[in-house]
Amino acid sequence: MQLCQLETRKPTRCGWKAIPALALPLIFFSASVSAAQEYNPTAPKTGTGEVQSGIARSMRIPVIDGDDIRFSRLSTAQGLSQTQANEIVQDDQGFMWFGTQYGLDRYDGYEFKVFTQDPARENSLSCVYIHSLFKDRSGSLWVGCDQFLDRFDSLHETFTHYRIDAGEAANYVSQISEDRTGMLWLATGSGLFRLNPDTGQIIHYVHDPAKPSSLGSNQVRCTLEDRTGRFWVAAGENLEEFDRESGRVLSRVRVSDGLRVISFYEDHLGTFWITYITNKSGSHFPC
């Protein structure tokens, strides 16, 4: 596998012409996409503590070859540390960051600098396999590792570690998001974590079979704050509206039985687009 750098030959407007290149990963990962249109998120809450529910509708998106883009490939021959780069982020200085199965790679357009775990250095990267990358609004780069979330200090090129403690359960941060208050939300296979970057405080939310308003599953894949300020969590087979103050689920959109939500996206019209795979596959895909 090689890393591809995409360049546009000419400016393109956001429309159906540009969709095929964006839609291809969704089709590859899930083979279908869902739009959560039957649930009305603006409906008033009942105040009874009950969880509202809805059903998503599925549809397929065609993939059409484009003629206005080209790719140049970067591989280990150019300095990439490992051939599988699952995460890509650009920082405020313009550097491209690639999370691989063997370290964190920074690319300046000419050469790579690789950051790896060094047991002799406490402030080195805390893991080998990079599961997620995220740049927050302040410009800080966050790295999802095994049982840790690392924050990169660009001045000293060191890492600060935040332990994501889930007891004895195997745990890693598969996706990171930020809400408008500056809180970071970490999706893991052991529930949902909230991290306050200023204080380092971490709160853990889990599924409780005795509480219907708890998360529907500890298999949390993605989180997102929508344009109205509501917070959504992809947990198991559901897309759930999560109240950050009370720590309870307000509403739940069922994708389909036997399917697992992988990621979701809100478009400019406020429609949610959801990718999913069958539970039988057992595969992991990043958000």
C-alpha atoms as a PDB file:
ATOM      1  CA  MET A   1       0.000   0.000   0.000  1.00  0.00           C
ATOM      2  CA  GLN A   2       1.246   3.489  -0.816  1.00  0.00           C
ATOM      3  CA  LEU A   3       0.212   6.962   0.295  1.00  0.00           C
ATOM      4  CA  CYS A   4      -1.342   9.058  -2.462  1.00  0.00           C
ATOM      5  CA  GLN A   5      -1.143  12.832  -2.699  1.00  0.00           C
ATOM      6  CA  LEU A   6      -4.101  14.280  -4.566  1.00  0.00           C
ATOM      7  CA  GLU A   7      -3.795  17.459  -6.604  1.00  0.00           C
ATOM      8  CA  THR A   8      -6.539  19.264  -8.530  1.00  0.00           C
ATOM      9  CA  ARG A   9      -5.740  20.379 -12.049  1.00  0.00           C
ATOM     10  CA  LYS A  10      -8.359  23.097 -11.953  1.00  0.00           C
ATOM     11  CA  PRO A  11     -10.669  24.576  -9.319  1.00  0.00           C
ATOM     12  CA  THR A  12     -13.931  22.685  -8.854  1.00  0.00           C
ATOM     13  CA  ARG A  13     -17.150  23.840  -7.280  1.00  0.00           C
ATOM     14  CA  CYS A  14     -18.803  21.850  -4.530  1.00  0.00           C
ATOM     15  CA  GLY A  15     -21.395  19.819  -6.416  1.00  0.00           C
ATOM     16  CA  TRP A  16     -22.080  16.411  -7.885  1.00  0.00           C
ATOM     17  CA  LYS A  17     -18.908  16.679  -9.977  1.00  0.00           C
ATOM     18  CA  ALA A  18     -16.799  16.685  -6.802  1.00  0.00           C
ATOM     19  CA  ILE A  19     -18.750  14.021  -4.940  1.00  0.00           C
ATOM     20  CA  PRO A  20     -17.304  10.843  -6.535  1.00  0.00           C
ATOM     21  CA  ALA A  21     -13.805  11.355  -5.084  1.00  0.00           C
ATOM     22  CA  LEU A  22     -15.315  11.979  -1.644  1.00  0.00           C
ATOM     23  CA  ALA A  23     -17.847   9.192  -1.837  1.00  0.00           C
ATOM     24  CA  LEU A  24     -15.461   6.427  -2.819  1.00  0.00           C
ATOM     25  CA  PRO A  25     -14.164   5.661   0.713  1.00  0.00           C
ATOM     26  CA  LEU A  26     -17.730   5.485   2.015  1.00  0.00           C
ATOM     27  CA  ILE A  27     -18.731   3.002  -0.649  1.00  0.00           C
ATOM     28  CA  PHE A  28     -15.580   0.961  -0.087  1.00  0.00           C
ATOM     29  CA  PHE A  29     -16.020   0.735   3.679  1.00  0.00           C
ATOM     30  CA  SER A  30     -19.735   0.162   3.860  1.00  0.00           C
ATOM     31  CA  ALA A  31     -21.258  -0.306   0.401  1.00  0.00           C
ATOM     32  CA  SER A  32     -24.220   1.844   1.475  1.00  0.00           C
ATOM     33  CA  VAL A  33     -25.037   5.144   3.154  1.00  0.00           C
ATOM     34  CA  SER A  34     -27.968   6.142   5.368  1.00  0.00           C
ATOM     35  CA  ALA A  35     -29.702   9.478   5.812  1.00  0.00           C
ATOM     36  CA  ALA A  36     -31.348  10.032   9.187  1.00  0.00           C
ATOM     37  CA  GLN A  37     -34.316  12.000   7.911  1.00  0.00           C
ATOM     38  CA  GLU A  38     -37.265  10.313   9.591  1.00  0.00           C
ATOM     39  CA  TYR A  39     -36.304  11.457  13.080  1.00  0.00           C
ATOM     40  CA  ASN A  40     -37.048  15.073  13.946  1.00  0.00           C
ATOM     41  CA  PRO A  41     -34.321  16.354  16.301  1.00  0.00           C
ATOM     42  CA  THR A  42     -36.196  19.637  16.872  1.00  0.00           C
ATOM     43  CA  ALA A  43     -39.218  17.905  18.411  1.00  0.00           C
ATOM     44  CA  PRO A  44     -39.797  18.964  22.035  1.00  0.00           C
ATOM     45  CA  LYS A  45     -38.573  16.621  24.759  1.00  0.00           C
ATOM     46  CA  THR A  46     -41.237  14.891  26.847  1.00  0.00           C
ATOM     47  CA  GLY A  47     -39.482  15.522  30.139  1.00  0.00           C
ATOM     48  CA  THR A  48     -40.279  11.977  31.302  1.00  0.00           C
ATOM     49  CA  GLY A  49     -36.736  10.698  30.963  1.00  0.00           C
ATOM     50  CA  GLU A  50     -37.731   8.387  28.114  1.00  0.00           C
ATOM     51  CA  VAL A  51     -35.435   8.034  25.132  1.00  0.00           C
ATOM     52  CA  GLN A  52     -36.940   9.076  21.809  1.00  0.00           C
ATOM     53  CA  SER A  53     -36.269   6.791  18.862  1.00  0.00           C
ATOM     54  CA  GLY A  54     -36.220   6.993  15.078  1.00  0.00           C
ATOM     55  CA  ILE A  55     -35.358   4.943  12.009  1.00  0.00           C
ATOM     56  CA  ALA A  56     -32.775   5.784   9.344  1.00  0.00           C
ATOM     57  CA  ARG A  57     -33.401   5.277   5.633  1.00  0.00           C
ATOM     58  CA  SER A  58     -30.716   3.800   3.409  1.00  0.00           C
ATOM     59  CA  MET A  59     -29.648   4.687  -0.107  1.00  0.00           C
ATOM     60  CA  ARG A  60     -26.734   4.054  -2.462  1.00  0.00           C
ATOM     61  CA  ILE A  61     -24.408   6.625  -3.971  1.00  0.00           C
ATOM     62  CA  PRO A  62     -22.908   6.005  -7.428  1.00  0.00           C
ATOM     63  CA  VAL A  63     -19.183   6.366  -8.012  1.00  0.00           C
ATOM     64  CA  ILE A  64     -18.268   8.178 -11.220  1.00  0.00           C
ATOM     65  CA  ASP A  65     -14.748   8.543 -12.592  1.00  0.00           C
ATOM     66  CA  GLY A  66     -13.387  12.094 -12.467  1.00  0.00           C
ATOM     67  CA  ASP A  67     -11.064  13.615 -15.060  1.00  0.00           C
ATOM     68  CA  ASP A  68      -9.804  16.681 -13.179  1.00  0.00           C
ATOM     69  CA  ILE A  69      -7.599  15.136 -10.487  1.00  0.00           C
ATOM     70  CA  ARG A  70      -4.248  13.365 -10.423  1.00  0.00           C
ATOM     71  CA  PHE A  71      -2.244  11.500  -7.787  1.00  0.00           C
ATOM     72  CA  SER A  72       1.416  11.329  -6.872  1.00  0.00           C
ATOM     73  CA  ARG A  73       2.497   8.504  -4.574  1.00  0.00           C
ATOM     74  CA  LEU A  74       4.600   8.574  -1.414  1.00  0.00           C
ATOM     75  CA  SER A  75       5.964   5.324  -0.011  1.00  0.00           C
ATOM     76  CA  THR A  76       8.707   4.052   2.274  1.00  0.00           C
ATOM     77  CA  ALA A  77      11.164   4.923  -0.474  1.00  0.00           C
ATOM     78  CA  GLN A  78      10.450   8.601   0.223  1.00  0.00           C
ATOM     79  CA  GLY A  79      10.683   8.126   4.016  1.00  0.00           C
ATOM     80  CA  LEU A  80       7.183   7.052   5.054  1.00  0.00           C
ATOM     81  CA  SER A  81       7.698   4.884   8.145  1.00  0.00           C
ATOM     82  CA  GLN A  82       5.085   2.279   7.286  1.00  0.00           C
ATOM     83  CA  THR A  83       2.926   1.573   4.271  1.00  0.00           C
ATOM     84  CA  GLN A  84      -0.468   1.721   6.006  1.00  0.00           C
ATOM     85  CA  ALA A  85      -1.374   5.334   6.832  1.00  0.00           C
ATOM     86  CA  ASN A  86      -4.884   5.370   8.316  1.00  0.00           C
ATOM     87  CA  GLU A  87      -4.958   8.931   9.671  1.00  0.00           C
ATOM     88  CA  ILE A  88      -4.123  12.251   7.990  1.00  0.00           C
ATOM     89  CA  VAL A  89      -4.155  15.754   9.507  1.00  0.00           C
ATOM     90  CA  GLN A  90      -2.697  19.104   8.434  1.00  0.00           C
ATOM     91  CA  ASP A  91      -1.528  21.424  11.221  1.00  0.00           C
ATOM     92  CA  ASP A  92      -1.579  25.230  11.345  1.00  0.00           C
ATOM     93  CA  GLN A  93       2.018  25.410  10.066  1.00  0.00           C
ATOM     94  CA  GLY A  94       1.102  23.484   6.934  1.00  0.00           C
ATOM     95  CA  PHE A  95       2.795  20.210   7.877  1.00  0.00           C
ATOM     96  CA  MET A  96       1.010  17.013   6.907  1.00  0.00           C
ATOM     97  CA  TRP A  97       0.799  14.358   9.630  1.00  0.00           C
ATOM     98  CA  PHE A  98       0.247  10.668   8.933  1.00  0.00           C
ATOM     99  CA  GLY A  99      -0.661   8.114  11.567  1.00  0.00           C
ATOM    100  CA  THR A 100       0.762   4.726  10.643  1.00  0.00           C
ATOM    101  CA  GLN A 101       1.131   1.294  12.182  1.00  0.00           C
ATOM    102  CA  TYR A 102       4.681   2.231  13.096  1.00  0.00           C
ATOM    103  CA  GLY A 103       4.885   5.795  14.313  1.00  0.00           C
ATOM    104  CA  LEU A 104       3.716   9.319  13.566  1.00  0.00           C
ATOM    105  CA  ASP A 105       5.070  10.848  10.360  1.00  0.00           C
ATOM    106  CA  ARG A 106       5.412  14.578   9.638  1.00  0.00           C
ATOM    107  CA  TYR A 107       5.778  15.622   6.005  1.00  0.00           C
ATOM    108  CA  ASP A 108       6.842  19.093   4.856  1.00  0.00           C
ATOM    109  CA  GLY A 109       6.370  18.460   1.149  1.00  0.00           C
ATOM    110  CA  TYR A 110       9.964  17.311   0.688  1.00  0.00           C
ATOM    111  CA  GLU A 111      10.880  14.860   3.432  1.00  0.00           C
ATOM    112  CA  PHE A 112       9.492  12.977   6.424  1.00  0.00           C
ATOM    113  CA  LYS A 113      10.307  13.211  10.108  1.00  0.00           C
ATOM    114  CA  VAL A 114       9.146  10.168  12.064  1.00  0.00           C
ATOM    115  CA  PHE A 115       8.171  10.217  15.738  1.00  0.00           C
ATOM    116  CA  THR A 116       8.232   6.824  17.455  1.00  0.00           C
ATOM    117  CA  GLN A 117       7.954   5.364  20.910  1.00  0.00           C
ATOM    118  CA  ASP A 118      11.192   5.446  22.885  1.00  0.00           C
ATOM    119  CA  PRO A 119      10.999   3.635  26.266  1.00  0.00           C
ATOM    120  CA  ALA A 120      14.018   5.632  27.461  1.00  0.00           C
ATOM    121  CA  ARG A 121      12.199   8.950  26.976  1.00  0.00           C
ATOM    122  CA  GLU A 122       9.097   9.608  29.066  1.00  0.00           C
ATOM    123  CA  ASN A 123       7.901  12.387  26.764  1.00  0.00           C
ATOM    124  CA  SER A 124       8.187  10.391  23.543  1.00  0.00           C
ATOM    125  CA  LEU A 125       5.165   9.006  21.716  1.00  0.00           C
ATOM    126  CA  SER A 126       3.326   6.569  23.998  1.00  0.00           C
ATOM    127  CA  CYS A 127       2.534   3.956  21.359  1.00  0.00           C
ATOM    128  CA  VAL A 128       3.654   2.309  18.142  1.00  0.00           C
ATOM    129  CA  TYR A 129       0.294   2.022  16.350  1.00  0.00           C
ATOM    130  CA  ILE A 130      -1.458   5.355  15.724  1.00  0.00           C
ATOM    131  CA  HIS A 131      -5.231   4.901  15.903  1.00  0.00           C
ATOM    132  CA  SER A 132      -6.429   8.506  15.473  1.00  0.00           C
ATOM    133  CA  LEU A 133      -5.241  12.072  14.843  1.00  0.00           C
ATOM    134  CA  PHE A 134      -6.959  15.385  15.550  1.00  0.00           C
ATOM    135  CA  LYS A 135      -6.093  19.090  15.437  1.00  0.00           C
ATOM    136  CA  ASP A 136      -8.147  21.188  17.843  1.00  0.00           C
ATOM    137  CA  ARG A 137      -9.181  24.804  17.377  1.00  0.00           C
ATOM    138  CA  SER A 138      -6.131  26.070  19.273  1.00  0.00           C
ATOM    139  CA  GLY A 139      -3.871  24.260  16.793  1.00  0.00           C
ATOM    140  CA  SER A 140      -2.771  21.476  19.148  1.00  0.00           C
ATOM    141  CA  LEU A 141      -2.237  18.045  17.626  1.00  0.00           C
ATOM    142  CA  TRP A 142      -3.715  15.066  19.503  1.00  0.00           C
ATOM    143  CA  VAL A 143      -2.718  11.447  18.917  1.00  0.00           C
ATOM    144  CA  GLY A 144      -4.909   8.468  19.806  1.00  0.00           C
ATOM    145  CA  CYS A 145      -2.749   5.662  21.179  1.00  0.00           C
ATOM    146  CA  ASP A 146      -3.120   2.435  23.137  1.00  0.00           C
ATOM    147  CA  GLN A 147      -4.742   3.454  26.460  1.00  0.00           C
ATOM    148  CA  PHE A 148      -3.392   6.993  26.104  1.00  0.00           C
ATOM    149  CA  LEU A 149      -4.178  10.242  24.346  1.00  0.00           C
ATOM    150  CA  ASP A 150      -1.020  12.199  23.505  1.00  0.00           C
ATOM    151  CA  ARG A 151      -0.765  15.947  22.954  1.00  0.00           C
ATOM    152  CA  PHE A 152       2.141  17.098  20.794  1.00  0.00           C
ATOM    153  CA  ASP A 153       4.268  20.064  21.879  1.00  0.00           C
ATOM    154  CA  SER A 154       5.515  21.530  18.597  1.00  0.00           C
ATOM    155  CA  LEU A 155       8.059  23.810  20.310  1.00  0.00           C
ATOM    156  CA  HIS A 156       9.943  21.033  22.102  1.00  0.00           C
ATOM    157  CA  GLU A 157       8.698  18.186  19.887  1.00  0.00           C
ATOM    158  CA  THR A 158       7.582  16.171  22.907  1.00  0.00           C
ATOM    159  CA  PHE A 159       4.329  14.507  23.941  1.00  0.00           C
ATOM    160  CA  THR A 160       2.136  14.871  27.029  1.00  0.00           C
ATOM    161  CA  HIS A 161       0.249  11.684  27.918  1.00  0.00           C
ATOM    162  CA  TYR A 162      -3.333  11.406  29.194  1.00  0.00           C
ATOM    163  CA  ARG A 163      -4.209   7.921  30.370  1.00  0.00           C
ATOM    164  CA  ILE A 164      -7.561   6.591  29.145  1.00  0.00           C
ATOM    165  CA  ASP A 165      -8.320   4.149  31.958  1.00  0.00           C
ATOM    166  CA  ALA A 166     -10.951   1.528  31.166  1.00  0.00           C
ATOM    167  CA  GLY A 167      -9.946  -1.019  33.804  1.00  0.00           C
ATOM    168  CA  GLU A 168      -8.782  -4.324  32.404  1.00  0.00           C
ATOM    169  CA  ALA A 169     -10.495  -3.831  29.051  1.00  0.00           C
ATOM    170  CA  ALA A 170      -8.288  -3.347  26.016  1.00  0.00           C
ATOM    171  CA  ASN A 171      -8.691   0.259  25.011  1.00  0.00           C
ATOM    172  CA  TYR A 172      -7.562   2.730  22.368  1.00  0.00           C
ATOM    173  CA  VAL A 173      -8.866   6.045  21.079  1.00  0.00           C
ATOM    174  CA  SER A 174     -10.326   5.409  17.632  1.00  0.00           C
ATOM    175  CA  GLN A 175     -11.689   8.939  17.013  1.00  0.00           C
ATOM    176  CA  ILE A 176     -11.399  12.409  18.561  1.00  0.00           C
ATOM    177  CA  SER A 177     -13.745  15.393  18.262  1.00  0.00           C
ATOM    178  CA  GLU A 178     -14.071  18.800  19.928  1.00  0.00           C
ATOM    179  CA  ASP A 179     -17.250  20.598  20.945  1.00  0.00           C
ATOM    180  CA  ARG A 180     -17.824  24.343  21.078  1.00  0.00           C
ATOM    181  CA  THR A 181     -16.826  24.516  24.769  1.00  0.00           C
ATOM    182  CA  GLY A 182     -13.386  23.115  23.965  1.00  0.00           C
ATOM    183  CA  MET A 183     -13.985  19.683  25.471  1.00  0.00           C
ATOM    184  CA  LEU A 184     -12.436  16.720  23.642  1.00  0.00           C
ATOM    185  CA  TRP A 185     -14.556  13.596  23.113  1.00  0.00           C
ATOM    186  CA  LEU A 186     -12.834  10.269  22.662  1.00  0.00           C
ATOM    187  CA  ALA A 187     -14.486   7.293  20.983  1.00  0.00           C
ATOM    188  CA  THR A 188     -13.209   3.931  22.235  1.00  0.00           C
ATOM    189  CA  GLY A 189     -14.261   0.305  22.412  1.00  0.00           C
ATOM    190  CA  SER A 190     -14.807   0.776  26.147  1.00  0.00           C
ATOM    191  CA  GLY A 191     -17.259   3.660  26.043  1.00  0.00           C
ATOM    192  CA  LEU A 192     -17.110   7.424  25.638  1.00  0.00           C
ATOM    193  CA  PHE A 193     -14.515   9.636  27.349  1.00  0.00           C
ATOM    194  CA  ARG A 194     -14.547  13.409  27.845  1.00  0.00           C
ATOM    195  CA  LEU A 195     -11.236  15.206  28.347  1.00  0.00           C
ATOM    196  CA  ASN A 196     -10.855  18.780  29.574  1.00  0.00           C
ATOM    197  CA  PRO A 197      -7.583  19.925  27.913  1.00  0.00           C
ATOM    198  CA  ASP A 198      -7.124  22.739  30.445  1.00  0.00           C
ATOM    199  CA  THR A 199      -7.366  20.619  33.598  1.00  0.00           C
ATOM    200  CA  GLY A 200      -6.680  17.103  32.317  1.00  0.00           C
ATOM    201  CA  GLN A 201      -9.926  15.871  33.911  1.00  0.00           C
ATOM    202  CA  ILE A 202     -11.353  12.771  32.217  1.00  0.00           C
ATOM    203  CA  ILE A 203     -14.937  11.500  32.579  1.00  0.00           C
ATOM    204  CA  HIS A 204     -15.972   8.043  31.385  1.00  0.00           C
ATOM    205  CA  TYR A 205     -19.476   7.214  30.075  1.00  0.00           C
ATOM    206  CA  VAL A 206     -20.497   3.583  29.547  1.00  0.00           C
ATOM    207  CA  HIS A 207     -23.444   1.388  28.644  1.00  0.00           C
ATOM    208  CA  ASP A 208     -25.501   0.287  31.666  1.00  0.00           C
ATOM    209  CA  PRO A 209     -28.156  -2.389  30.919  1.00  0.00           C
ATOM    210  CA  ALA A 210     -30.164  -1.170  33.925  1.00  0.00           C
ATOM    211  CA  LYS A 211     -30.347   2.381  32.554  1.00  0.00           C
ATOM    212  CA  PRO A 212     -32.133   2.801  29.175  1.00  0.00           C
ATOM    213  CA  SER A 213     -30.828   6.366  28.928  1.00  0.00           C
ATOM    214  CA  SER A 214     -27.184   5.249  29.081  1.00  0.00           C
ATOM    215  CA  LEU A 215     -25.173   4.670  25.917  1.00  0.00           C
ATOM    216  CA  GLY A 216     -26.611   1.875  23.789  1.00  0.00           C
ATOM    217  CA  SER A 217     -23.201   0.206  23.510  1.00  0.00           C
ATOM    218  CA  ASN A 218     -19.639   0.577  24.754  1.00  0.00           C
ATOM    219  CA  GLN A 219     -18.492   0.239  21.133  1.00  0.00           C
ATOM    220  CA  VAL A 220     -18.323   3.982  20.430  1.00  0.00           C
ATOM    221  CA  ARG A 221     -17.021   4.763  16.936  1.00  0.00           C
ATOM    222  CA  CYS A 222     -17.591   8.473  16.334  1.00  0.00           C
ATOM    223  CA  THR A 223     -18.877  11.661  17.936  1.00  0.00           C
ATOM    224  CA  LEU A 224     -20.028  14.957  16.466  1.00  0.00           C
ATOM    225  CA  GLU A 225     -21.573  18.243  17.603  1.00  0.00           C
ATOM    226  CA  ASP A 226     -24.121  19.370  15.009  1.00  0.00           C
ATOM    227  CA  ARG A 227     -24.709  22.913  13.813  1.00  0.00           C
ATOM    228  CA  THR A 228     -27.449  23.474  16.419  1.00  0.00           C
ATOM    229  CA  GLY A 229     -25.132  22.520  19.272  1.00  0.00           C
ATOM    230  CA  ARG A 230     -26.526  19.045  19.887  1.00  0.00           C
ATOM    231  CA  PHE A 231     -24.048  16.251  20.497  1.00  0.00           C
ATOM    232  CA  TRP A 232     -24.274  12.883  18.750  1.00  0.00           C
ATOM    233  CA  VAL A 233     -22.579   9.548  19.403  1.00  0.00           C
ATOM    234  CA  ALA A 234     -22.310   6.501  17.138  1.00  0.00           C
ATOM    235  CA  ALA A 235     -22.614   3.608  19.596  1.00  0.00           C
ATOM    236  CA  GLY A 236     -23.074   0.053  18.359  1.00  0.00           C
ATOM    237  CA  GLU A 237     -25.988  -0.062  15.913  1.00  0.00           C
ATOM    238  CA  ASN A 238     -27.353   3.357  16.877  1.00  0.00           C
ATOM    239  CA  LEU A 239     -26.822   7.062  16.370  1.00  0.00           C
ATOM    240  CA  GLU A 240     -27.627   8.678  19.722  1.00  0.00           C
ATOM    241  CA  GLU A 241     -28.192  12.250  20.879  1.00  0.00           C
ATOM    242  CA  PHE A 242     -26.184  12.628  24.092  1.00  0.00           C
ATOM    243  CA  ASP A 243     -26.803  15.243  26.789  1.00  0.00           C
ATOM    244  CA  ARG A 244     -23.363  16.310  27.985  1.00  0.00           C
ATOM    245  CA  GLU A 245     -24.637  17.858  31.222  1.00  0.00           C
ATOM    246  CA  SER A 246     -26.592  14.886  32.531  1.00  0.00           C
ATOM    247  CA  GLY A 247     -24.608  12.145  30.756  1.00  0.00           C
ATOM    248  CA  ARG A 248     -27.744  10.517  29.354  1.00  0.00           C
ATOM    249  CA  VAL A 249     -29.063   9.666  25.900  1.00  0.00           C
ATOM    250  CA  LEU A 250     -32.001  11.826  24.820  1.00  0.00           C
ATOM    251  CA  SER A 251     -32.836  10.161  21.525  1.00  0.00           C
ATOM    252  CA  ARG A 252     -31.736   7.157  19.537  1.00  0.00           C
ATOM    253  CA  VAL A 253     -31.761   6.542  15.770  1.00  0.00           C
ATOM    254  CA  ARG A 254     -31.630   2.845  14.883  1.00  0.00           C
ATOM    255  CA  VAL A 255     -29.681   2.204  11.690  1.00  0.00           C
ATOM    256  CA  SER A 256     -30.625  -1.442  11.221  1.00  0.00           C
ATOM    257  CA  ASP A 257     -30.360  -4.772  13.019  1.00  0.00           C
ATOM    258  CA  GLY A 258     -27.058  -6.524  12.468  1.00  0.00           C
ATOM    259  CA  LEU A 259     -25.268  -3.390  11.269  1.00  0.00           C
ATOM    260  CA  ARG A 260     -22.618  -1.325  13.058  1.00  0.00           C
ATOM    261  CA  VAL A 261     -22.249   2.426  12.584  1.00  0.00           C
ATOM    262  CA  ILE A 262     -18.720   3.345  11.523  1.00  0.00           C
ATOM    263  CA  SER A 263     -18.949   7.092  10.973  1.00  0.00           C
ATOM    264  CA  PHE A 264     -21.371   9.890  10.224  1.00  0.00           C
ATOM    265  CA  TYR A 265     -21.312  13.360   8.751  1.00  0.00           C
ATOM    266  CA  GLU A 266     -23.657  16.350   8.794  1.00  0.00           C
ATOM    267  CA  ASP A 267     -24.055  18.132   5.468  1.00  0.00           C
ATOM    268  CA  HIS A 268     -24.898  21.796   4.901  1.00  0.00           C
ATOM    269  CA  LEU A 269     -28.623  21.017   4.984  1.00  0.00           C
ATOM    270  CA  GLY A 270     -28.417  19.389   8.407  1.00  0.00           C
ATOM    271  CA  THR A 271     -28.887  15.859   7.073  1.00  0.00           C
ATOM    272  CA  PHE A 272     -26.797  13.137   8.690  1.00  0.00           C
ATOM    273  CA  TRP A 273     -25.030  10.661   6.413  1.00  0.00           C
ATOM    274  CA  ILE A 274     -24.101   7.403   8.127  1.00  0.00           C
ATOM    275  CA  THR A 275     -21.698   4.689   6.989  1.00  0.00           C
ATOM    276  CA  TYR A 276     -22.015   1.212   8.427  1.00  0.00           C
ATOM    277  CA  ILE A 277     -20.844  -2.381   8.043  1.00  0.00           C
ATOM    278  CA  THR A 278     -22.254  -5.725   9.104  1.00  0.00           C
ATOM    279  CA  ASN A 279     -21.333  -6.985  12.555  1.00  0.00           C
ATOM    280  CA  LYS A 280     -20.173 -10.244  10.992  1.00  0.00           C
ATOM    281  CA  SER A 281     -17.194  -8.623   9.315  1.00  0.00           C
ATOM    282  CA  GLY A 282     -15.334  -7.924  12.539  1.00  0.00           C
ATOM    283  CA  SER A 283     -13.223  -5.287  10.766  1.00  0.00           C
ATOM    284  CA  HIS A 284     -12.086  -1.961  12.183  1.00  0.00           C
ATOM    285  CA  PHE A 285     -12.263   1.190  10.111  1.00  0.00           C
ATOM    286  CA  PRO A 286     -11.316   4.654  11.382  1.00  0.00           C
ATOM    287  CA  CYS A 287     -13.782   7.502  11.265  1.00  0.00           C
END
